[in-house]
Amino acid sequence: MGGPKDIRCTKHYQQLRQIWPHIGNYSQALNELTPYQKEILTLRFGLEGQRTHSIKELAMRHGTSVQAIDRVLARAIAKLKRKNG
């Protein structure tokens, strides 16, 4: 399975892109998330040298639904926005 063809079109990518310039230390910002949120965000967007993963891949990997992964991403981005945006 490969990552999404164009992740830049996703709503979460657009939201993250808006706050990313305001984050000074990316590693520190990611460490403010829960370990699960950090893992999902890192794998979804290919951060820290990881390849991008689709939401479906993440759901299968974690034995959960696509909707649950979507909620984790939304909460993680909201947390980053509150603390850095």
C-alpha atoms as a PDB file:
ATOM      1  CA  MET A   1       0.000   0.000   0.000  1.00  0.00           C
ATOM      2  CA  GLY A   2       1.273   3.436  -0.790  1.00  0.00           C
ATOM      3  CA  GLY A   3       0.426   6.739   0.796  1.00  0.00           C
ATOM      4  CA  PRO A   4      -2.245   9.036  -0.573  1.00  0.00           C
ATOM      5  CA  LYS A   5      -1.601  10.390  -4.047  1.00  0.00           C
ATOM      6  CA  ASP A   6      -1.974  14.058  -3.044  1.00  0.00           C
ATOM      7  CA  ILE A   7      -2.203  14.589   0.689  1.00  0.00           C
ATOM      8  CA  ARG A   8      -2.099  18.371   0.125  1.00  0.00           C
ATOM      9  CA  CYS A   9      -5.793  18.289  -0.793  1.00  0.00           C
ATOM     10  CA  THR A  10      -6.946  16.910   2.552  1.00  0.00           C
ATOM     11  CA  LYS A  11      -8.705  19.088   5.123  1.00  0.00           C
ATOM     12  CA  HIS A  12      -6.279  18.089   7.867  1.00  0.00           C
ATOM     13  CA  TYR A  13      -3.268  18.993   5.738  1.00  0.00           C
ATOM     14  CA  GLN A  14      -4.747  22.418   5.031  1.00  0.00           C
ATOM     15  CA  GLN A  15      -5.399  23.014   8.739  1.00  0.00           C
ATOM     16  CA  LEU A  16      -1.915  21.880   9.719  1.00  0.00           C
ATOM     17  CA  ARG A  17      -0.386  24.027   7.001  1.00  0.00           C
ATOM     18  CA  GLN A  18      -2.050  27.119   8.486  1.00  0.00           C
ATOM     19  CA  ILE A  19      -0.485  26.662  11.926  1.00  0.00           C
ATOM     20  CA  TRP A  20       2.851  25.073  10.960  1.00  0.00           C
ATOM     21  CA  PRO A  21       4.633  28.431  10.338  1.00  0.00           C
ATOM     22  CA  HIS A  22       3.741  29.534  13.893  1.00  0.00           C
ATOM     23  CA  ILE A  23       5.345  26.499  15.495  1.00  0.00           C
ATOM     24  CA  GLY A  24       8.892  27.260  16.561  1.00  0.00           C
ATOM     25  CA  ASN A  25      10.159  23.841  17.576  1.00  0.00           C
ATOM     26  CA  TYR A  26       8.391  21.064  15.686  1.00  0.00           C
ATOM     27  CA  SER A  27       9.672  18.208  17.843  1.00  0.00           C
ATOM     28  CA  GLN A  28       8.609  20.006  21.009  1.00  0.00           C
ATOM     29  CA  ALA A  29       5.183  20.774  19.536  1.00  0.00           C
ATOM     30  CA  LEU A  30       4.666  17.129  18.572  1.00  0.00           C
ATOM     31  CA  ASN A  31       5.694  16.061  22.063  1.00  0.00           C
ATOM     32  CA  GLU A  32       2.796  18.112  23.452  1.00  0.00           C
ATOM     33  CA  LEU A  33       0.462  15.587  21.856  1.00  0.00           C
ATOM     34  CA  THR A  34      -0.428  12.237  23.347  1.00  0.00           C
ATOM     35  CA  PRO A  35       1.819   9.439  22.059  1.00  0.00           C
ATOM     36  CA  TYR A  36      -1.101   8.101  19.995  1.00  0.00           C
ATOM     37  CA  GLN A  37      -1.877  11.520  18.488  1.00  0.00           C
ATOM     38  CA  LYS A  38       1.800  12.045  17.698  1.00  0.00           C
ATOM     39  CA  GLU A  39       2.067   8.666  15.985  1.00  0.00           C
ATOM     40  CA  ILE A  40      -1.066   9.187  13.902  1.00  0.00           C
ATOM     41  CA  LEU A  41      -0.057  12.725  12.866  1.00  0.00           C
ATOM     42  CA  THR A  42       3.519  11.668  12.111  1.00  0.00           C
ATOM     43  CA  LEU A  43       2.478   8.728   9.974  1.00  0.00           C
ATOM     44  CA  ARG A  44      -0.378  10.527   8.229  1.00  0.00           C
ATOM     45  CA  PHE A  45       1.761  13.437   7.086  1.00  0.00           C
ATOM     46  CA  GLY A  46       5.115  11.699   6.731  1.00  0.00           C
ATOM     47  CA  LEU A  47       6.828  13.687   9.468  1.00  0.00           C
ATOM     48  CA  GLU A  48      10.155  12.737  11.042  1.00  0.00           C
ATOM     49  CA  GLY A  49      11.281  10.845   7.946  1.00  0.00           C
ATOM     50  CA  GLN A  50       8.212   8.588   7.755  1.00  0.00           C
ATOM     51  CA  ARG A  51       6.319   7.982   4.529  1.00  0.00           C
ATOM     52  CA  THR A  52       2.763   9.270   4.344  1.00  0.00           C
ATOM     53  CA  HIS A  53      -0.005   6.837   5.214  1.00  0.00           C
ATOM     54  CA  SER A  54      -3.648   6.980   4.219  1.00  0.00           C
ATOM     55  CA  ILE A  55      -6.282   7.223   6.921  1.00  0.00           C
ATOM     56  CA  LYS A  56      -7.461   3.768   5.861  1.00  0.00           C
ATOM     57  CA  GLU A  57      -3.950   2.351   6.370  1.00  0.00           C
ATOM     58  CA  LEU A  58      -3.783   3.890   9.835  1.00  0.00           C
ATOM     59  CA  ALA A  59      -7.209   2.520  10.741  1.00  0.00           C
ATOM     60  CA  MET A  60      -6.188  -0.976   9.649  1.00  0.00           C
ATOM     61  CA  ARG A  61      -2.846  -0.715  11.456  1.00  0.00           C
ATOM     62  CA  HIS A  62      -4.537   0.274  14.715  1.00  0.00           C
ATOM     63  CA  GLY A  63      -7.624  -1.912  14.399  1.00  0.00           C
ATOM     64  CA  THR A  64     -10.020   0.995  14.421  1.00  0.00           C
ATOM     65  CA  SER A  65     -12.283   2.875  12.041  1.00  0.00           C
ATOM     66  CA  VAL A  66     -11.415   5.561   9.521  1.00  0.00           C
ATOM     67  CA  GLN A  67     -13.718   7.886  11.453  1.00  0.00           C
ATOM     68  CA  ALA A  68     -11.792   7.288  14.677  1.00  0.00           C
ATOM     69  CA  ILE A  69      -8.489   8.141  12.969  1.00  0.00           C
ATOM     70  CA  ASP A  70     -10.100  11.248  11.489  1.00  0.00           C
ATOM     71  CA  ARG A  71     -11.157  12.352  14.991  1.00  0.00           C
ATOM     72  CA  VAL A  72      -7.650  11.739  16.378  1.00  0.00           C
ATOM     73  CA  LEU A  73      -6.187  13.911  13.613  1.00  0.00           C
ATOM     74  CA  ALA A  74      -8.739  16.651  14.203  1.00  0.00           C
ATOM     75  CA  ARG A  75      -8.066  16.694  17.955  1.00  0.00           C
ATOM     76  CA  ALA A  76      -4.287  16.660  17.505  1.00  0.00           C
ATOM     77  CA  ILE A  77      -4.395  19.565  15.054  1.00  0.00           C
ATOM     78  CA  ALA A  78      -6.778  21.485  17.322  1.00  0.00           C
ATOM     79  CA  LYS A  79      -4.384  20.970  20.247  1.00  0.00           C
ATOM     80  CA  LEU A  80      -1.431  22.233  18.190  1.00  0.00           C
ATOM     81  CA  LYS A  81      -3.498  25.207  17.066  1.00  0.00           C
ATOM     82  CA  ARG A  82      -4.485  26.126  20.633  1.00  0.00           C
ATOM     83  CA  LYS A  83      -0.903  25.948  21.859  1.00  0.00           C
ATOM     84  CA  ASN A  84       0.858  27.435  18.838  1.00  0.00           C
ATOM     85  CA  GLY A  85      -1.589  29.202  16.567  1.00  0.00           C
END
